[in-house]
């Protein structure tokens, strides 16, 4: 009877060991599935972050390219404006030169008219008019300048 109880006890222990082994394998499988699920979840987040980073890098490159092009265009516009400003200054210089020449021409014209009138008056009347016309010519030159 004692031997039969010992045999029965060993059978029950073996049965419990098998059940424990089955439960241990199930626990290992469950923990592996849990680990895999957590890793997949983390990988999805990491993959999404990687894709976002790639997109940001591409957009940053485009933005840099656009900024470089904008800087080049701005530089070209500044050069054109500078050239235009220089041309306007040159036109102003030409206008001042033309006014100066015009003033000089008016003075010469008045002087020539006075000289012509004086020479005609001298031819018609004599030498006394010459003194008056010379002083009138000097007055005209002073007022023209």
N, C-alpha and C. Protein backbone atom coordinates (compact mmCIF):
# COMPACT_ATOMS: atom_id res chain seq x y z
N UNK A 1 0.80 -1.14 0.00
CA UNK A 1 0.00 0.00 0.00
C UNK A 1 0.89 1.26 0.00
N UNK A 2 1.91 1.25 0.73
CA UNK A 2 2.82 2.38 0.78
C UNK A 2 3.49 2.54 -0.58
N UNK A 3 3.86 1.48 -1.17
CA UNK A 3 4.49 1.58 -2.49
C UNK A 3 3.50 2.10 -3.52
N UNK A 4 2.27 1.67 -3.39
CA UNK A 4 1.28 2.15 -4.34
C UNK A 4 1.02 3.64 -4.14
N UNK A 5 1.08 4.09 -2.90
CA UNK A 5 0.87 5.52 -2.62
C UNK A 5 2.06 6.34 -3.17
N UNK A 6 3.25 5.76 -3.04
CA UNK A 6 4.43 6.46 -3.54
C UNK A 6 4.35 6.51 -5.06
N UNK A 7 3.93 5.41 -5.70
CA UNK A 7 3.81 5.40 -7.16
C UNK A 7 2.76 6.42 -7.59
N UNK A 8 1.67 6.45 -6.88
CA UNK A 8 0.60 7.39 -7.21
C UNK A 8 1.09 8.83 -7.02
N UNK A 9 1.85 9.06 -5.98
CA UNK A 9 2.39 10.39 -5.71
C UNK A 9 3.34 10.80 -6.84
N UNK A 10 4.18 9.85 -7.31
CA UNK A 10 5.11 10.15 -8.40
C UNK A 10 4.35 10.45 -9.69
N UNK A 11 3.26 9.71 -9.92
CA UNK A 11 2.44 9.94 -11.12
C UNK A 11 1.84 11.35 -11.06
N UNK A 12 1.32 11.70 -9.88
CA UNK A 12 0.70 13.02 -9.76
C UNK A 12 1.75 14.12 -9.92
N UNK A 13 2.96 13.88 -9.39
CA UNK A 13 4.03 14.86 -9.53
C UNK A 13 4.43 14.98 -11.02
N UNK A 14 4.51 13.88 -11.71
CA UNK A 14 4.87 13.91 -13.13
C UNK A 14 3.79 14.64 -13.91
N UNK A 15 2.52 14.35 -13.53
CA UNK A 15 1.39 15.02 -14.21
C UNK A 15 1.44 16.52 -13.96
N UNK A 16 1.74 16.91 -12.70
CA UNK A 16 1.84 18.34 -12.36
C UNK A 16 3.02 18.98 -13.10
N UNK A 17 4.13 18.26 -13.23
CA UNK A 17 5.28 18.79 -13.95
C UNK A 17 4.92 19.03 -15.41
N UNK A 18 4.19 18.11 -16.00
CA UNK A 18 3.77 18.27 -17.39
C UNK A 18 2.85 19.47 -17.53
N UNK A 19 1.91 19.59 -16.57
CA UNK A 19 1.00 20.74 -16.62
C UNK A 19 1.79 22.04 -16.44
N UNK A 20 2.77 22.02 -15.52
CA UNK A 20 3.60 23.20 -15.30
C UNK A 20 4.40 23.52 -16.56
N UNK A 21 4.91 22.47 -17.19
CA UNK A 21 5.68 22.66 -18.42
C UNK A 21 4.80 23.26 -19.51
N UNK A 22 3.56 22.77 -19.63
CA UNK A 22 2.63 23.30 -20.62
C UNK A 22 2.33 24.76 -20.31
N UNK A 23 2.07 25.06 -19.03
CA UNK A 23 1.78 26.44 -18.64
C UNK A 23 3.00 27.35 -18.85
N UNK A 24 4.19 26.81 -18.57
CA UNK A 24 5.40 27.59 -18.77
C UNK A 24 5.56 27.93 -20.25
N UNK A 25 5.33 26.92 -21.12
CA UNK A 25 5.42 27.17 -22.57
C UNK A 25 4.38 28.19 -23.01
N UNK A 26 3.16 28.09 -22.48
CA UNK A 26 2.12 29.06 -22.81
C UNK A 26 2.50 30.46 -22.33
N UNK A 27 3.08 30.54 -21.15
CA UNK A 27 3.51 31.84 -20.61
C UNK A 27 4.62 32.43 -21.47
N UNK A 28 5.56 31.58 -21.89
CA UNK A 28 6.65 32.06 -22.75
C UNK A 28 6.10 32.55 -24.08
N UNK A 29 5.17 31.79 -24.66
CA UNK A 29 4.57 32.21 -25.93
C UNK A 29 3.81 33.53 -25.76
N UNK A 30 3.06 33.64 -24.65
CA UNK A 30 2.31 34.88 -24.40
C UNK A 30 3.26 36.05 -24.21
N UNK A 31 4.35 35.84 -23.47
CA UNK A 31 5.30 36.94 -23.27
C UNK A 31 6.01 37.28 -24.58
N UNK A 32 6.29 36.28 -25.42
CA UNK A 32 6.88 36.57 -26.74
C UNK A 32 5.92 37.37 -27.60
N UNK A 33 4.66 37.00 -27.59
CA UNK A 33 3.65 37.75 -28.37
C UNK A 33 3.53 39.17 -27.86
N UNK A 34 3.53 39.32 -26.52
CA UNK A 34 3.45 40.66 -25.93
C UNK A 34 4.67 41.49 -26.34
N UNK A 35 5.84 40.89 -26.24
CA UNK A 35 7.08 41.60 -26.62
C UNK A 35 7.03 41.99 -28.09
N UNK A 36 6.62 41.05 -28.94
CA UNK A 36 6.53 41.33 -30.37
C UNK A 36 5.53 42.45 -30.64
N UNK A 37 4.41 42.41 -29.95
CA UNK A 37 3.39 43.45 -30.11
C UNK A 37 3.92 44.82 -29.68
N UNK A 38 4.63 44.87 -28.55
CA UNK A 38 5.22 46.13 -28.09
C UNK A 38 6.28 46.64 -29.07
N UNK A 39 7.12 45.73 -29.56
CA UNK A 39 8.15 46.12 -30.52
C UNK A 39 7.51 46.64 -31.80
N UNK A 40 6.45 45.96 -32.26
CA UNK A 40 5.76 46.43 -33.46
C UNK A 40 5.17 47.81 -33.25
N UNK A 41 4.59 48.03 -32.10
CA UNK A 41 4.02 49.34 -31.78
C UNK A 41 5.10 50.41 -31.79
N UNK A 42 6.22 50.09 -31.15
CA UNK A 42 7.33 51.05 -31.14
C UNK A 42 7.90 51.25 -32.54
N UNK A 43 8.00 50.18 -33.30
CA UNK A 43 8.53 50.29 -34.66
C UNK A 43 7.65 51.15 -35.54
N UNK A 44 6.34 51.06 -35.35
CA UNK A 44 5.43 51.90 -36.14
C UNK A 44 5.70 53.37 -35.82
N UNK A 45 5.87 53.69 -34.53
CA UNK A 45 6.17 55.07 -34.14
C UNK A 45 7.50 55.53 -34.69
N UNK A 46 8.50 54.66 -34.61
CA UNK A 46 9.83 55.01 -35.12
C UNK A 46 9.78 55.17 -36.64
N UNK A 47 9.08 54.27 -37.31
CA UNK A 47 8.96 54.37 -38.77
C UNK A 47 8.26 55.66 -39.16
N UNK A 48 7.22 56.02 -38.43
CA UNK A 48 6.50 57.27 -38.71
C UNK A 48 7.41 58.48 -38.48
N UNK A 49 8.19 58.44 -37.40
CA UNK A 49 9.12 59.54 -37.12
C UNK A 49 10.18 59.63 -38.22
N UNK A 50 10.65 58.48 -38.69
CA UNK A 50 11.65 58.46 -39.77
C UNK A 50 11.07 59.06 -41.05
N UNK A 51 9.84 58.66 -41.38
CA UNK A 51 9.20 59.21 -42.59
C UNK A 51 9.00 60.72 -42.45
N UNK A 52 8.58 61.15 -41.27
CA UNK A 52 8.40 62.58 -41.04
C UNK A 52 9.73 63.33 -41.18
N UNK A 53 10.79 62.73 -40.65
CA UNK A 53 12.11 63.36 -40.75
C UNK A 53 12.56 63.46 -42.20
N UNK A 54 12.32 62.41 -42.98
CA UNK A 54 12.68 62.45 -44.40
C UNK A 54 11.91 63.56 -45.12
N UNK A 55 10.61 63.66 -44.81
CA UNK A 55 9.79 64.69 -45.44
C UNK A 55 10.27 66.09 -45.04
N UNK A 56 10.60 66.24 -43.76
CA UNK A 56 11.11 67.54 -43.30
C UNK A 56 12.43 67.89 -43.97
N UNK A 57 13.30 66.90 -44.12
CA UNK A 57 14.58 67.15 -44.81
C UNK A 57 14.36 67.58 -46.25
N UNK A 58 13.43 66.91 -46.94
CA UNK A 58 13.14 67.26 -48.33
C UNK A 58 12.57 68.68 -48.41
N UNK A 59 11.67 69.01 -47.51
CA UNK A 59 11.08 70.35 -47.52
C UNK A 59 12.12 71.40 -47.15
N UNK A 60 13.04 71.06 -46.24
CA UNK A 60 14.10 72.01 -45.88
C UNK A 60 15.02 72.27 -47.07
N UNK A 61 15.30 71.23 -47.84
CA UNK A 61 16.12 71.41 -49.04
C UNK A 61 15.41 72.31 -50.04
N UNK A 62 14.11 72.08 -50.24
CA UNK A 62 13.35 72.92 -51.17
C UNK A 62 13.31 74.36 -50.69
N UNK A 63 13.12 74.54 -49.39
CA UNK A 63 13.08 75.89 -48.83
C UNK A 63 14.43 76.58 -49.01
N UNK A 64 15.50 75.86 -48.79
CA UNK A 64 16.84 76.43 -48.97
C UNK A 64 17.05 76.82 -50.43
N UNK A 65 16.63 75.96 -51.34
CA UNK A 65 16.76 76.24 -52.76
C UNK A 65 15.95 77.48 -53.13
N UNK A 66 14.71 77.54 -52.61
CA UNK A 66 13.87 78.71 -52.89
C UNK A 66 14.47 79.99 -52.32
N UNK A 67 15.03 79.90 -51.12
CA UNK A 67 15.65 81.08 -50.51
C UNK A 67 16.87 81.53 -51.32
N UNK A 68 17.64 80.57 -51.81
CA UNK A 68 18.81 80.90 -52.62
C UNK A 68 18.38 81.59 -53.91
N UNK A 69 17.36 81.04 -54.57
CA UNK A 69 16.85 81.67 -55.80
C UNK A 69 16.31 83.06 -55.53
N UNK A 70 15.60 83.21 -54.42
CA UNK A 70 15.05 84.51 -54.05
C UNK A 70 16.18 85.52 -53.81
N UNK A 71 17.25 85.07 -53.16
CA UNK A 71 18.38 85.96 -52.91
C UNK A 71 19.03 86.39 -54.22
N UNK A 72 19.15 85.45 -55.17
CA UNK A 72 19.73 85.79 -56.48
C UNK A 72 18.86 86.80 -57.21
N UNK A 73 17.54 86.56 -57.20
CA UNK A 73 16.62 87.49 -57.88
C UNK A 73 16.66 88.86 -57.22
N UNK A 74 16.71 88.89 -55.90
CA UNK A 74 16.77 90.16 -55.18
C UNK A 74 18.04 90.92 -55.56
N UNK A 75 19.15 90.20 -55.64
CA UNK A 75 20.41 90.82 -56.02
C UNK A 75 20.32 91.41 -57.44
N UNK A 76 19.70 90.65 -58.35
CA UNK A 76 19.53 91.14 -59.71
C UNK A 76 18.65 92.39 -59.74
N UNK A 77 17.57 92.37 -58.97
CA UNK A 77 16.69 93.54 -58.92
C UNK A 77 17.45 94.75 -58.36
N UNK A 78 18.25 94.53 -57.33
CA UNK A 78 19.01 95.64 -56.76
C UNK A 78 20.00 96.21 -57.78
N UNK A 79 20.62 95.33 -58.56
CA UNK A 79 21.52 95.81 -59.60
C UNK A 79 20.77 96.63 -60.65
N UNK A 80 19.59 96.15 -61.06
CA UNK A 80 18.79 96.89 -62.04
C UNK A 80 18.37 98.26 -61.50
N UNK A 81 17.96 98.28 -60.24
CA UNK A 81 17.54 99.55 -59.64
C UNK A 81 18.73 100.50 -59.55
N UNK A 82 19.90 99.97 -59.20
CA UNK A 82 21.10 100.81 -59.13
C UNK A 82 21.45 101.36 -60.51
N UNK A 83 21.36 100.52 -61.53
CA UNK A 83 21.63 100.99 -62.90
C UNK A 83 20.61 102.05 -63.32
N UNK A 84 19.34 101.83 -62.98
CA UNK A 84 18.29 102.79 -63.31
C UNK A 84 18.56 104.12 -62.60
N UNK A 85 18.94 104.04 -61.34
CA UNK A 85 19.24 105.26 -60.58
C UNK A 85 20.41 106.01 -61.19
N UNK A 86 21.43 105.27 -61.59
CA UNK A 86 22.58 105.90 -62.24
C UNK A 86 22.16 106.57 -63.55
N UNK A 87 21.31 105.90 -64.32
CA UNK A 87 20.83 106.48 -65.58
C UNK A 87 20.03 107.75 -65.32
N UNK A 88 19.20 107.75 -64.28
CA UNK A 88 18.44 108.95 -63.94
C UNK A 88 19.36 110.10 -63.54
N UNK A 89 20.42 109.77 -62.79
CA UNK A 89 21.38 110.81 -62.41
C UNK A 89 22.07 111.37 -63.65
N UNK A 90 22.41 110.46 -64.57
CA UNK A 90 23.04 110.91 -65.82
C UNK A 90 22.11 111.82 -66.60
N UNK A 91 20.82 111.47 -66.65
CA UNK A 91 19.85 112.33 -67.34
C UNK A 91 19.76 113.69 -66.67
N UNK A 92 19.80 113.69 -65.35
CA UNK A 92 19.78 114.97 -64.63
C UNK A 92 21.01 115.79 -64.95
N UNK A 93 22.16 115.14 -65.06
CA UNK A 93 23.39 115.85 -65.42
C UNK A 93 23.29 116.42 -66.83
N UNK A 94 22.73 115.65 -67.76
CA UNK A 94 22.56 116.12 -69.14
C UNK A 94 21.61 117.31 -69.17
N UNK A 95 20.54 117.22 -68.37
CA UNK A 95 19.57 118.33 -68.33
C UNK A 95 20.23 119.60 -67.80
N UNK A 96 21.02 119.47 -66.73
CA UNK A 96 21.73 120.65 -66.19
C UNK A 96 22.72 121.20 -67.21
N UNK A 97 23.43 120.32 -67.92
CA UNK A 97 24.36 120.76 -68.95
C UNK A 97 23.62 121.51 -70.06
N UNK A 98 22.44 120.95 -70.47
CA UNK A 98 21.66 121.59 -71.53
C UNK A 98 21.17 122.97 -71.09
N UNK A 99 20.74 123.10 -69.84
CA UNK A 99 20.31 124.41 -69.33
C UNK A 99 21.46 125.41 -69.31
N UNK A 100 22.62 124.92 -68.91
CA UNK A 100 23.80 125.80 -68.87
C UNK A 100 24.15 126.27 -70.27
N UNK A 101 24.15 125.33 -71.22
CA UNK A 101 24.45 125.69 -72.62
C UNK A 101 23.40 126.67 -73.13
N UNK A 102 22.13 126.41 -72.80
CA UNK A 102 21.05 127.29 -73.26
C UNK A 102 21.24 128.71 -72.70
N UNK A 103 21.60 128.80 -71.43
CA UNK A 103 21.86 130.13 -70.85
C UNK A 103 23.00 130.83 -71.53
N UNK A 104 24.08 130.05 -71.80
CA UNK A 104 25.23 130.64 -72.50
C UNK A 104 24.83 131.11 -73.90
N UNK A 105 24.00 130.32 -74.59
CA UNK A 105 23.58 130.69 -75.93
C UNK A 105 22.72 131.95 -75.92
N UNK A 106 21.87 132.07 -74.90
CA UNK A 106 21.07 133.30 -74.78
C UNK A 106 21.97 134.51 -74.58
N UNK A 107 22.99 134.34 -73.73
CA UNK A 107 23.91 135.46 -73.49
C UNK A 107 24.66 135.82 -74.77
N UNK A 108 25.12 134.81 -75.50
CA UNK A 108 25.83 135.08 -76.76
C UNK A 108 24.90 135.75 -77.76
N UNK A 109 23.64 135.27 -77.83
CA UNK A 109 22.66 135.84 -78.76
C UNK A 109 22.41 137.32 -78.43
N UNK A 110 22.24 137.62 -77.16
CA UNK A 110 22.00 139.02 -76.78
C UNK A 110 23.22 139.89 -77.10
N UNK A 111 24.39 139.31 -76.82
CA UNK A 111 25.61 140.07 -77.11
C UNK A 111 25.75 140.34 -78.60
N UNK A 112 25.46 139.30 -79.41
CA UNK A 112 25.55 139.47 -80.86
C UNK A 112 24.51 140.47 -81.37
N UNK A 113 23.31 140.42 -80.81
CA UNK A 113 22.28 141.39 -81.23
C UNK A 113 22.71 142.80 -80.90
N UNK A 114 23.23 142.98 -79.69
CA UNK A 114 23.69 144.32 -79.30
C UNK A 114 24.86 144.78 -80.18
N UNK A 115 25.76 143.84 -80.47
CA UNK A 115 26.90 144.21 -81.32
C UNK A 115 26.42 144.57 -82.72
N UNK A 116 25.45 143.79 -83.22
CA UNK A 116 24.90 144.07 -84.55
C UNK A 116 24.21 145.42 -84.57
N UNK A 117 23.40 145.70 -83.54
CA UNK A 117 22.71 146.98 -83.48
C UNK A 117 23.71 148.13 -83.35
N UNK A 118 24.75 147.87 -82.57
CA UNK A 118 25.75 148.93 -82.38
C UNK A 118 26.50 149.19 -83.68
N UNK A 119 26.82 148.11 -84.39
CA UNK A 119 27.55 148.32 -85.65
C UNK A 119 26.67 149.01 -86.68
N UNK A 120 25.39 148.71 -86.69
CA UNK A 120 24.47 149.40 -87.63
C UNK A 120 24.31 150.86 -87.23
N UNK A 121 24.23 151.07 -85.93
CA UNK A 121 24.08 152.45 -85.47
C UNK A 121 25.33 153.26 -85.77
N UNK A 122 26.48 152.64 -85.68
CA UNK A 122 27.75 153.33 -85.95
C UNK A 122 27.84 153.66 -87.43
N UNK A 123 27.39 152.74 -88.24
CA UNK A 123 27.44 152.98 -89.68
C UNK A 123 26.50 154.11 -90.07
N UNK A 124 25.38 154.21 -89.42
CA UNK A 124 24.42 155.22 -89.80
C UNK A 124 24.68 156.58 -89.16
N UNK A 125 25.15 156.66 -87.90
CA UNK A 125 25.24 157.94 -87.25
C UNK A 125 26.65 158.39 -86.91
N UNK A 126 27.53 157.56 -86.68
CA UNK A 126 28.88 158.01 -86.36
C UNK A 126 29.44 157.29 -85.15
N UNK A 127 30.45 157.94 -84.45
CA UNK A 127 31.19 157.28 -83.37
C UNK A 127 30.61 157.44 -81.99
N UNK A 128 29.66 158.31 -81.73
CA UNK A 128 29.17 158.54 -80.38
C UNK A 128 28.28 157.39 -79.89
N UNK A 129 27.65 156.70 -80.77
CA UNK A 129 26.75 155.62 -80.38
C UNK A 129 27.54 154.40 -79.92
N UNK A 130 28.75 154.27 -80.41
CA UNK A 130 29.57 153.11 -80.08
C UNK A 130 29.81 153.01 -78.58
N UNK A 131 30.05 154.10 -77.91
CA UNK A 131 30.29 154.08 -76.47
C UNK A 131 29.04 153.60 -75.74
N UNK A 132 27.86 154.05 -76.14
CA UNK A 132 26.61 153.66 -75.47
C UNK A 132 26.31 152.19 -75.71
N UNK A 133 26.53 151.70 -76.91
CA UNK A 133 26.23 150.30 -77.19
C UNK A 133 27.21 149.38 -76.48
N UNK A 134 28.45 149.78 -76.28
CA UNK A 134 29.43 148.96 -75.58
C UNK A 134 29.04 148.83 -74.12
N UNK A 135 28.57 149.90 -73.51
CA UNK A 135 28.13 149.80 -72.13
C UNK A 135 26.85 148.98 -72.02
N UNK A 136 25.97 149.03 -73.00
CA UNK A 136 24.75 148.22 -73.01
C UNK A 136 25.10 146.76 -73.18
N UNK A 137 26.13 146.45 -73.98
CA UNK A 137 26.57 145.07 -74.18
C UNK A 137 27.14 144.51 -72.88
N UNK A 138 27.87 145.30 -72.14
CA UNK A 138 28.45 144.87 -70.86
C UNK A 138 27.32 144.60 -69.86
N UNK A 139 26.30 145.42 -69.85
CA UNK A 139 25.15 145.23 -68.97
C UNK A 139 24.42 143.93 -69.32
N UNK A 140 24.26 143.60 -70.60
CA UNK A 140 23.55 142.40 -71.03
C UNK A 140 24.33 141.16 -70.62
N UNK A 141 25.68 141.20 -70.75
CA UNK A 141 26.51 140.06 -70.33
C UNK A 141 26.40 139.84 -68.82
N UNK A 142 26.36 140.89 -68.06
CA UNK A 142 26.28 140.77 -66.60
C UNK A 142 24.93 140.20 -66.20
N UNK A 143 23.86 140.58 -66.85
CA UNK A 143 22.53 140.07 -66.49
C UNK A 143 22.34 138.63 -66.95
N UNK A 144 23.00 138.18 -68.03
CA UNK A 144 22.87 136.80 -68.53
C UNK A 144 23.55 135.83 -67.62
N UNK A 145 24.66 136.22 -67.02
CA UNK A 145 25.35 135.30 -66.13
C UNK A 145 24.78 135.40 -64.77
